Amino acid sequence: ASPDKDLGILVAPGNLVETMLATVRV
């Protein structure tokens, strides 16, 4: 969570799980 590791995005709660799973796949 240091500044250089923050992806710089905001995600609505309803999209949180899909976004985290997509990040794992990437």
mmCIF file of all heavy atoms, coordinates in Angstrom:
data_MODEL
# 
_entry.id   MODEL 
# 
loop_
_atom_site.group_PDB 
_atom_site.id 
_atom_site.type_symbol 
_atom_site.label_atom_id 
_atom_site.label_alt_id 
_atom_site.label_comp_id 
_atom_site.label_asym_id 
_atom_site.label_entity_id 
_atom_site.label_seq_id 
_atom_site.pdbx_PDB_ins_code 
_atom_site.Cartn_x 
_atom_site.Cartn_y 
_atom_site.Cartn_z 
_atom_site.occupancy 
_atom_site.B_iso_or_equiv 
_atom_site.pdbx_formal_charge 
_atom_site.auth_seq_id 
_atom_site.auth_comp_id 
_atom_site.auth_asym_id 
_atom_site.auth_atom_id 
_atom_site.pdbx_PDB_model_num 
ATOM 1   N N   . ALA A 1 1  ? 0.805   -1.220  0.000   1.00 0.00 ? 1  ALA A N   1 
ATOM 2   C CA  . ALA A 1 1  ? 0.000   0.000   0.000   1.00 0.00 ? 1  ALA A CA  1 
ATOM 3   C C   . ALA A 1 1  ? 0.840   1.273   0.000   1.00 0.00 ? 1  ALA A C   1 
ATOM 4   O O   . ALA A 1 1  ? 0.329   2.348   0.280   1.00 0.00 ? 1  ALA A O   1 
ATOM 5   C CB  . ALA A 1 1  ? -0.934  0.006   1.211   1.00 0.00 ? 1  ALA A CB  1 
ATOM 6   N N   . SER A 1 2  ? 2.129   1.180   -0.306  1.00 0.00 ? 2  SER A N   1 
ATOM 7   C CA  . SER A 1 2  ? 2.917   2.399   -0.442  1.00 0.00 ? 2  SER A CA  1 
ATOM 8   C C   . SER A 1 2  ? 2.460   3.121   -1.706  1.00 0.00 ? 2  SER A C   1 
ATOM 9   O O   . SER A 1 2  ? 1.849   2.516   -2.593  1.00 0.00 ? 2  SER A O   1 
ATOM 10  C CB  . SER A 1 2  ? 4.410   2.068   -0.512  1.00 0.00 ? 2  SER A CB  1 
ATOM 11  O OG  . SER A 1 2  ? 4.668   1.179   -1.579  1.00 0.00 ? 2  SER A OG  1 
ATOM 12  N N   . PRO A 1 3  ? 2.706   4.426   -1.828  1.00 0.00 ? 3  PRO A N   1 
ATOM 13  C CA  . PRO A 1 3  ? 2.152   5.195   -2.945  1.00 0.00 ? 3  PRO A CA  1 
ATOM 14  C C   . PRO A 1 3  ? 2.462   4.614   -4.317  1.00 0.00 ? 3  PRO A C   1 
ATOM 15  O O   . PRO A 1 3  ? 1.637   4.666   -5.221  1.00 0.00 ? 3  PRO A O   1 
ATOM 16  C CB  . PRO A 1 3  ? 2.792   6.572   -2.761  1.00 0.00 ? 3  PRO A CB  1 
ATOM 17  C CG  . PRO A 1 3  ? 3.054   6.668   -1.294  1.00 0.00 ? 3  PRO A CG  1 
ATOM 18  C CD  . PRO A 1 3  ? 3.428   5.278   -0.869  1.00 0.00 ? 3  PRO A CD  1 
ATOM 19  N N   . ASP A 1 4  ? 3.642   4.022   -4.505  1.00 0.00 ? 4  ASP A N   1 
ATOM 20  C CA  . ASP A 1 4  ? 3.992   3.511   -5.832  1.00 0.00 ? 4  ASP A CA  1 
ATOM 21  C C   . ASP A 1 4  ? 3.301   2.189   -6.146  1.00 0.00 ? 4  ASP A C   1 
ATOM 22  O O   . ASP A 1 4  ? 3.372   1.713   -7.278  1.00 0.00 ? 4  ASP A O   1 
ATOM 23  C CB  . ASP A 1 4  ? 5.513   3.342   -5.953  1.00 0.00 ? 4  ASP A CB  1 
ATOM 24  C CG  . ASP A 1 4  ? 6.071   2.383   -4.915  1.00 0.00 ? 4  ASP A CG  1 
ATOM 25  O OD1 . ASP A 1 4  ? 5.489   2.291   -3.832  1.00 0.00 ? 4  ASP A OD1 1 
ATOM 26  O OD2 . ASP A 1 4  ? 7.089   1.730   -5.211  1.00 0.00 ? 4  ASP A OD2 1 
ATOM 27  N N   . LYS A 1 5  ? 2.635   1.573   -5.171  1.00 0.00 ? 5  LYS A N   1 
ATOM 28  C CA  . LYS A 1 5  ? 1.910   0.321   -5.414  1.00 0.00 ? 5  LYS A CA  1 
ATOM 29  C C   . LYS A 1 5  ? 0.402   0.547   -5.560  1.00 0.00 ? 5  LYS A C   1 
ATOM 30  O O   . LYS A 1 5  ? -0.324  -0.368  -5.908  1.00 0.00 ? 5  LYS A O   1 
ATOM 31  C CB  . LYS A 1 5  ? 2.163   -0.665  -4.265  1.00 0.00 ? 5  LYS A CB  1 
ATOM 32  C CG  . LYS A 1 5  ? 3.636   -0.938  -3.985  1.00 0.00 ? 5  LYS A CG  1 
ATOM 33  C CD  . LYS A 1 5  ? 4.313   -1.645  -5.123  1.00 0.00 ? 5  LYS A CD  1 
ATOM 34  C CE  . LYS A 1 5  ? 5.797   -1.863  -4.836  1.00 0.00 ? 5  LYS A CE  1 
ATOM 35  N NZ  . LYS A 1 5  ? 6.023   -2.739  -3.677  1.00 0.00 ? 5  LYS A NZ  1 
ATOM 36  N N   . ASP A 1 6  ? -0.071  1.753   -5.253  1.00 0.00 ? 6  ASP A N   1 
ATOM 37  C CA  . ASP A 1 6  ? -1.488  2.089   -5.404  1.00 0.00 ? 6  ASP A CA  1 
ATOM 38  C C   . ASP A 1 6  ? -1.789  2.189   -6.899  1.00 0.00 ? 6  ASP A C   1 
ATOM 39  O O   . ASP A 1 6  ? -1.109  2.901   -7.636  1.00 0.00 ? 6  ASP A O   1 
ATOM 40  C CB  . ASP A 1 6  ? -1.768  3.416   -4.699  1.00 0.00 ? 6  ASP A CB  1 
ATOM 41  C CG  . ASP A 1 6  ? -3.254  3.689   -4.558  1.00 0.00 ? 6  ASP A CG  1 
ATOM 42  O OD1 . ASP A 1 6  ? -3.986  3.451   -5.537  1.00 0.00 ? 6  ASP A OD1 1 
ATOM 43  O OD2 . ASP A 1 6  ? -3.683  4.140   -3.486  1.00 0.00 ? 6  ASP A OD2 1 
ATOM 44  N N   . LEU A 1 7  ? -2.825  1.470   -7.345  1.00 0.00 ? 7  LEU A N   1 
ATOM 45  C CA  . LEU A 1 7  ? -3.145  1.492   -8.771  1.00 0.00 ? 7  LEU A CA  1 
ATOM 46  C C   . LEU A 1 7  ? -3.806  2.785   -9.218  1.00 0.00 ? 7  LEU A C   1 
ATOM 47  O O   . LEU A 1 7  ? -3.984  3.008   -10.410 1.00 0.00 ? 7  LEU A O   1 
ATOM 48  C CB  . LEU A 1 7  ? -4.048  0.294   -9.116  1.00 0.00 ? 7  LEU A CB  1 
ATOM 49  C CG  . LEU A 1 7  ? -3.383  -1.080  -9.012  1.00 0.00 ? 7  LEU A CG  1 
ATOM 50  C CD1 . LEU A 1 7  ? -4.377  -2.181  -9.349  1.00 0.00 ? 7  LEU A CD1 1 
ATOM 51  C CD2 . LEU A 1 7  ? -2.166  -1.164  -9.929  1.00 0.00 ? 7  LEU A CD2 1 
ATOM 52  N N   . GLY A 1 8  ? -4.188  3.650   -8.263  1.00 0.00 ? 8  GLY A N   1 
ATOM 53  C CA  . GLY A 1 8  ? -4.759  4.935   -8.631  1.00 0.00 ? 8  GLY A CA  1 
ATOM 54  C C   . GLY A 1 8  ? -6.161  4.843   -9.192  1.00 0.00 ? 8  GLY A C   1 
ATOM 55  O O   . GLY A 1 8  ? -6.546  5.624   -10.076 1.00 0.00 ? 8  GLY A O   1 
ATOM 56  N N   . ILE A 1 9  ? -6.939  3.897   -8.696  1.00 0.00 ? 9  ILE A N   1 
ATOM 57  C CA  . ILE A 1 9  ? -8.308  3.732   -9.174  1.00 0.00 ? 9  ILE A CA  1 
ATOM 58  C C   . ILE A 1 9  ? -9.268  3.700   -8.008  1.00 0.00 ? 9  ILE A C   1 
ATOM 59  O O   . ILE A 1 9  ? -8.908  3.342   -6.882  1.00 0.00 ? 9  ILE A O   1 
ATOM 60  C CB  . ILE A 1 9  ? -8.476  2.437   -10.013 1.00 0.00 ? 9  ILE A CB  1 
ATOM 61  C CG1 . ILE A 1 9  ? -8.057  1.212   -9.193  1.00 0.00 ? 9  ILE A CG1 1 
ATOM 62  C CG2 . ILE A 1 9  ? -7.687  2.525   -11.308 1.00 0.00 ? 9  ILE A CG2 1 
ATOM 63  C CD1 . ILE A 1 9  ? -8.258  -0.105  -9.902  1.00 0.00 ? 9  ILE A CD1 1 
ATOM 64  N N   . LEU A 1 10 ? -10.505 4.105   -8.270  1.00 0.00 ? 10 LEU A N   1 
ATOM 65  C CA  . LEU A 1 10 ? -11.607 3.947   -7.329  1.00 0.00 ? 10 LEU A CA  1 
ATOM 66  C C   . LEU A 1 10 ? -12.592 2.948   -7.909  1.00 0.00 ? 10 LEU A C   1 
ATOM 67  O O   . LEU A 1 10 ? -12.855 2.956   -9.122  1.00 0.00 ? 10 LEU A O   1 
ATOM 68  C CB  . LEU A 1 10 ? -12.317 5.278   -7.097  1.00 0.00 ? 10 LEU A CB  1 
ATOM 69  C CG  . LEU A 1 10 ? -11.583 6.332   -6.262  1.00 0.00 ? 10 LEU A CG  1 
ATOM 70  C CD1 . LEU A 1 10 ? -12.413 7.599   -6.208  1.00 0.00 ? 10 LEU A CD1 1 
ATOM 71  C CD2 . LEU A 1 10 ? -11.318 5.812   -4.860  1.00 0.00 ? 10 LEU A CD2 1 
ATOM 72  N N   . VAL A 1 11 ? -13.153 2.097   -7.024  1.00 0.00 ? 11 VAL A N   1 
ATOM 73  C CA  . VAL A 1 11 ? -14.104 1.077   -7.454  1.00 0.00 ? 11 VAL A CA  1 
ATOM 74  C C   . VAL A 1 11 ? -15.327 1.152   -6.563  1.00 0.00 ? 11 VAL A C   1 
ATOM 75  O O   . VAL A 1 11 ? -15.211 1.212   -5.333  1.00 0.00 ? 11 VAL A O   1 
ATOM 76  C CB  . VAL A 1 11 ? -13.467 -0.332  -7.362  1.00 0.00 ? 11 VAL A CB  1 
ATOM 77  C CG1 . VAL A 1 11 ? -14.472 -1.395  -7.763  1.00 0.00 ? 11 VAL A CG1 1 
ATOM 78  C CG2 . VAL A 1 11 ? -12.224 -0.417  -8.226  1.00 0.00 ? 11 VAL A CG2 1 
ATOM 79  N N   . ALA A 1 12 ? -16.511 1.149   -7.154  1.00 0.00 ? 12 ALA A N   1 
ATOM 80  C CA  . ALA A 1 12 ? -17.745 1.136   -6.383  1.00 0.00 ? 12 ALA A CA  1 
ATOM 81  C C   . ALA A 1 12 ? -17.871 -0.199  -5.644  1.00 0.00 ? 12 ALA A C   1 
ATOM 82  O O   . ALA A 1 12 ? -17.403 -1.236  -6.138  1.00 0.00 ? 12 ALA A O   1 
ATOM 83  C CB  . ALA A 1 12 ? -18.944 1.339   -7.295  1.00 0.00 ? 12 ALA A CB  1 
ATOM 84  N N   . PRO A 1 13 ? -18.477 -0.206  -4.443  1.00 0.00 ? 13 PRO A N   1 
ATOM 85  C CA  . PRO A 1 13 ? -18.591 -1.463  -3.683  1.00 0.00 ? 13 PRO A CA  1 
ATOM 86  C C   . PRO A 1 13 ? -19.182 -2.613  -4.484  1.00 0.00 ? 13 PRO A C   1 
ATOM 87  O O   . PRO A 1 13 ? -18.722 -3.754  -4.351  1.00 0.00 ? 13 PRO A O   1 
ATOM 88  C CB  . PRO A 1 13 ? -19.491 -1.063  -2.513  1.00 0.00 ? 13 PRO A CB  1 
ATOM 89  C CG  . PRO A 1 13 ? -19.190 0.384   -2.289  1.00 0.00 ? 13 PRO A CG  1 
ATOM 90  C CD  . PRO A 1 13 ? -18.997 0.954   -3.668  1.00 0.00 ? 13 PRO A CD  1 
ATOM 91  N N   . GLY A 1 14 ? -20.166 -2.339  -5.315  1.00 0.00 ? 14 GLY A N   1 
ATOM 92  C CA  . GLY A 1 14 ? -20.783 -3.402  -6.091  1.00 0.00 ? 14 GLY A CA  1 
ATOM 93  C C   . GLY A 1 14 ? -19.876 -4.031  -7.124  1.00 0.00 ? 14 GLY A C   1 
ATOM 94  O O   . GLY A 1 14 ? -20.151 -5.129  -7.618  1.00 0.00 ? 14 GLY A O   1 
ATOM 95  N N   . ASN A 1 15 ? -18.778 -3.349  -7.468  1.00 0.00 ? 15 ASN A N   1 
ATOM 96  C CA  . ASN A 1 15 ? -17.824 -3.872  -8.446  1.00 0.00 ? 15 ASN A CA  1 
ATOM 97  C C   . ASN A 1 15 ? -16.536 -4.384  -7.792  1.00 0.00 ? 15 ASN A C   1 
ATOM 98  O O   . ASN A 1 15 ? -15.595 -4.761  -8.498  1.00 0.00 ? 15 ASN A O   1 
ATOM 99  C CB  . ASN A 1 15 ? -17.453 -2.779  -9.454  1.00 0.00 ? 15 ASN A CB  1 
ATOM 100 C CG  . ASN A 1 15 ? -18.642 -2.326  -10.283 1.00 0.00 ? 15 ASN A CG  1 
ATOM 101 O OD1 . ASN A 1 15 ? -19.495 -3.130  -10.628 1.00 0.00 ? 15 ASN A OD1 1 
ATOM 102 N ND2 . ASN A 1 15 ? -18.704 -1.038  -10.594 1.00 0.00 ? 15 ASN A ND2 1 
ATOM 103 N N   . LEU A 1 16 ? -16.495 -4.386  -6.455  1.00 0.00 ? 16 LEU A N   1 
ATOM 104 C CA  . LEU A 1 16 ? -15.249 -4.693  -5.766  1.00 0.00 ? 16 LEU A CA  1 
ATOM 105 C C   . LEU A 1 16 ? -14.758 -6.111  -6.051  1.00 0.00 ? 16 LEU A C   1 
ATOM 106 O O   . LEU A 1 16 ? -13.592 -6.321  -6.404  1.00 0.00 ? 16 LEU A O   1 
ATOM 107 C CB  . LEU A 1 16 ? -15.426 -4.498  -4.256  1.00 0.00 ? 16 LEU A CB  1 
ATOM 108 C CG  . LEU A 1 16 ? -14.223 -4.879  -3.396  1.00 0.00 ? 16 LEU A CG  1 
ATOM 109 C CD1 . LEU A 1 16 ? -13.016 -4.013  -3.742  1.00 0.00 ? 16 LEU A CD1 1 
ATOM 110 C CD2 . LEU A 1 16 ? -14.564 -4.771  -1.916  1.00 0.00 ? 16 LEU A CD2 1 
ATOM 111 N N   . VAL A 1 17 ? -15.611 -7.109  -5.870  1.00 0.00 ? 17 VAL A N   1 
ATOM 112 C CA  . VAL A 1 17 ? -15.174 -8.496  -6.013  1.00 0.00 ? 17 VAL A CA  1 
ATOM 113 C C   . VAL A 1 17 ? -14.685 -8.771  -7.432  1.00 0.00 ? 17 VAL A C   1 
ATOM 114 O O   . VAL A 1 17 ? -13.617 -9.372  -7.637  1.00 0.00 ? 17 VAL A O   1 
ATOM 115 C CB  . VAL A 1 17 ? -16.307 -9.463  -5.621  1.00 0.00 ? 17 VAL A CB  1 
ATOM 116 C CG1 . VAL A 1 17 ? -15.926 -10.906 -5.976  1.00 0.00 ? 17 VAL A CG1 1 
ATOM 117 C CG2 . VAL A 1 17 ? -16.600 -9.351  -4.130  1.00 0.00 ? 17 VAL A CG2 1 
ATOM 118 N N   . GLU A 1 18 ? -15.451 -8.326  -8.443  1.00 0.00 ? 18 GLU A N   1 
ATOM 119 C CA  . GLU A 1 18 ? -15.040 -8.577  -9.821  1.00 0.00 ? 18 GLU A CA  1 
ATOM 120 C C   . GLU A 1 18 ? -13.716 -7.886  -10.138 1.00 0.00 ? 18 GLU A C   1 
ATOM 121 O O   . GLU A 1 18 ? -12.875 -8.427  -10.857 1.00 0.00 ? 18 GLU A O   1 
ATOM 122 C CB  . GLU A 1 18 ? -16.129 -8.099  -10.794 1.00 0.00 ? 18 GLU A CB  1 
ATOM 123 C CG  . GLU A 1 18 ? -17.433 -8.878  -10.713 1.00 0.00 ? 18 GLU A CG  1 
ATOM 124 C CD  . GLU A 1 18 ? -17.258 -10.367 -11.002 1.00 0.00 ? 18 GLU A CD  1 
ATOM 125 O OE1 . GLU A 1 18 ? -16.282 -10.733 -11.695 1.00 0.00 ? 18 GLU A OE1 1 
ATOM 126 O OE2 . GLU A 1 18 ? -18.096 -11.158 -10.538 1.00 0.00 ? 18 GLU A OE2 1 
ATOM 127 N N   . THR A 1 19 ? -13.512 -6.687  -9.577  1.00 0.00 ? 19 THR A N   1 
ATOM 128 C CA  . THR A 1 19 ? -12.265 -5.961  -9.833  1.00 0.00 ? 19 THR A CA  1 
ATOM 129 C C   . THR A 1 19 ? -11.083 -6.669  -9.193  1.00 0.00 ? 19 THR A C   1 
ATOM 130 O O   . THR A 1 19 ? -10.009 -6.789  -9.789  1.00 0.00 ? 19 THR A O   1 
ATOM 131 C CB  . THR A 1 19 ? -12.363 -4.523  -9.301  1.00 0.00 ? 19 THR A CB  1 
ATOM 132 O OG1 . THR A 1 19 ? -13.445 -3.853  -9.948  1.00 0.00 ? 19 THR A OG1 1 
ATOM 133 C CG2 . THR A 1 19 ? -11.070 -3.765  -9.554  1.00 0.00 ? 19 THR A CG2 1 
ATOM 134 N N   . MET A 1 20 ? -11.255 -7.168  -7.965  1.00 0.00 ? 20 MET A N   1 
ATOM 135 C CA  . MET A 1 20 ? -10.151 -7.857  -7.304  1.00 0.00 ? 20 MET A CA  1 
ATOM 136 C C   . MET A 1 20 ? -9.834  -9.173  -8.000  1.00 0.00 ? 20 MET A C   1 
ATOM 137 O O   . MET A 1 20 ? -8.653  -9.533  -8.157  1.00 0.00 ? 20 MET A O   1 
ATOM 138 C CB  . MET A 1 20 ? -10.478 -8.070  -5.827  1.00 0.00 ? 20 MET A CB  1 
ATOM 139 C CG  . MET A 1 20 ? -10.625 -6.762  -5.064  1.00 0.00 ? 20 MET A CG  1 
ATOM 140 S SD  . MET A 1 20 ? -10.684 -6.961  -3.273  1.00 0.00 ? 20 MET A SD  1 
ATOM 141 C CE  . MET A 1 20 ? -8.939  -7.126  -2.869  1.00 0.00 ? 20 MET A CE  1 
ATOM 142 N N   . LEU A 1 21 ? -10.840 -9.896  -8.447  1.00 0.00 ? 21 LEU A N   1 
ATOM 143 C CA  . LEU A 1 21 ? -10.586 -11.125 -9.190  1.00 0.00 ? 21 LEU A CA  1 
ATOM 144 C C   . LEU A 1 21 ? -9.872  -10.826 -10.506 1.00 0.00 ? 21 LEU A C   1 
ATOM 145 O O   . LEU A 1 21 ? -8.951  -11.551 -10.910 1.00 0.00 ? 21 LEU A O   1 
ATOM 146 C CB  . LEU A 1 21 ? -11.899 -11.858 -9.455  1.00 0.00 ? 21 LEU A CB  1 
ATOM 147 C CG  . LEU A 1 21 ? -12.577 -12.486 -8.237  1.00 0.00 ? 21 LEU A CG  1 
ATOM 148 C CD1 . LEU A 1 21 ? -13.965 -13.001 -8.601  1.00 0.00 ? 21 LEU A CD1 1 
ATOM 149 C CD2 . LEU A 1 21 ? -11.732 -13.621 -7.663  1.00 0.00 ? 21 LEU A CD2 1 
ATOM 150 N N   . ALA A 1 22 ? -10.276 -9.759  -11.173 1.00 0.00 ? 22 ALA A N   1 
ATOM 151 C CA  . ALA A 1 22 ? -9.612  -9.375  -12.422 1.00 0.00 ? 22 ALA A CA  1 
ATOM 152 C C   . ALA A 1 22 ? -8.155  -9.005  -12.171 1.00 0.00 ? 22 ALA A C   1 
ATOM 153 O O   . ALA A 1 22 ? -7.267  -9.327  -12.975 1.00 0.00 ? 22 ALA A O   1 
ATOM 154 C CB  . ALA A 1 22 ? -10.351 -8.217  -13.070 1.00 0.00 ? 22 ALA A CB  1 
ATOM 155 N N   . THR A 1 23 ? -7.890  -8.348  -11.047 1.00 0.00 ? 23 THR A N   1 
ATOM 156 C CA  . THR A 1 23 ? -6.512  -7.979  -10.704 1.00 0.00 ? 23 THR A CA  1 
ATOM 157 C C   . THR A 1 23 ? -5.668  -9.216  -10.466 1.00 0.00 ? 23 THR A C   1 
ATOM 158 O O   . THR A 1 23 ? -4.498  -9.273  -10.866 1.00 0.00 ? 23 THR A O   1 
ATOM 159 C CB  . THR A 1 23 ? -6.486  -7.065  -9.462  1.00 0.00 ? 23 THR A CB  1 
ATOM 160 O OG1 . THR A 1 23 ? -7.372  -5.960  -9.659  1.00 0.00 ? 23 THR A OG1 1 
ATOM 161 C CG2 . THR A 1 23 ? -5.087  -6.534  -9.208  1.00 0.00 ? 23 THR A CG2 1 
ATOM 162 N N   . VAL A 1 24 ? -6.251  -10.231 -9.814  1.00 0.00 ? 24 VAL A N   1 
ATOM 163 C CA  . VAL A 1 24 ? -5.538  -11.498 -9.616  1.00 0.00 ? 24 VAL A CA  1 
ATOM 164 C C   . VAL A 1 24 ? -5.190  -12.118 -10.966 1.00 0.00 ? 24 VAL A C   1 
ATOM 165 O O   . VAL A 1 24 ? -4.060  -12.591 -11.185 1.00 0.00 ? 24 VAL A O   1 
ATOM 166 C CB  . VAL A 1 24 ? -6.385  -12.475 -8.779  1.00 0.00 ? 24 VAL A CB  1 
ATOM 167 C CG1 . VAL A 1 24 ? -5.721  -13.860 -8.730  1.00 0.00 ? 24 VAL A CG1 1 
ATOM 168 C CG2 . VAL A 1 24 ? -6.575  -11.951 -7.367  1.00 0.00 ? 24 VAL A CG2 1 
ATOM 169 N N   . ARG A 1 25 ? -6.135  -12.115 -11.893 1.00 0.00 ? 25 ARG A N   1 
ATOM 170 C CA  . ARG A 1 25 ? -5.878  -12.717 -13.209 1.00 0.00 ? 25 ARG A CA  1 
ATOM 171 C C   . ARG A 1 25 ? -4.786  -11.957 -13.962 1.00 0.00 ? 25 ARG A C   1 
ATOM 172 O O   . ARG A 1 25 ? -3.922  -12.563 -14.604 1.00 0.00 ? 25 ARG A O   1 
ATOM 173 C CB  . ARG A 1 25 ? -7.173  -12.742 -14.025 1.00 0.00 ? 25 ARG A CB  1 
ATOM 174 C CG  . ARG A 1 25 ? -8.258  -13.644 -13.443 1.00 0.00 ? 25 ARG A CG  1 
ATOM 175 C CD  . ARG A 1 25 ? -9.371  -13.906 -14.447 1.00 0.00 ? 25 ARG A CD  1 
ATOM 176 N NE  . ARG A 1 25 ? -10.067 -12.700 -14.860 1.00 0.00 ? 25 ARG A NE  1 
ATOM 177 C CZ  . ARG A 1 25 ? -11.132 -12.184 -14.261 1.00 0.00 ? 25 ARG A CZ  1 
ATOM 178 N NH1 . ARG A 1 25 ? -11.608 -12.769 -13.158 1.00 0.00 ? 25 ARG A NH1 1 
ATOM 179 N NH2 . ARG A 1 25 ? -11.718 -11.094 -14.723 1.00 0.00 ? 25 ARG A NH2 1 
ATOM 180 N N   . VAL A 1 26 ? -4.807  -10.628 -13.879 1.00 0.00 ? 26 VAL A N   1 
ATOM 181 C CA  . VAL A 1 26 ? -3.784  -9.826  -14.556 1.00 0.00 ? 26 VAL A CA  1 
ATOM 182 C C   . VAL A 1 26 ? -2.408  -10.126 -13.970 1.00 0.00 ? 26 VAL A C   1 
ATOM 183 O O   . VAL A 1 26 ? -1.428  -10.321 -14.700 1.00 0.00 ? 26 VAL A O   1 
ATOM 184 C CB  . VAL A 1 26 ? -4.112  -8.327  -14.455 1.00 0.00 ? 26 VAL A CB  1 
ATOM 185 C CG1 . VAL A 1 26 ? -2.933  -7.480  -14.923 1.00 0.00 ? 26 VAL A CG1 1 
ATOM 186 C CG2 . VAL A 1 26 ? -5.352  -8.000  -15.272 1.00 0.00 ? 26 VAL A CG2 1 
# 
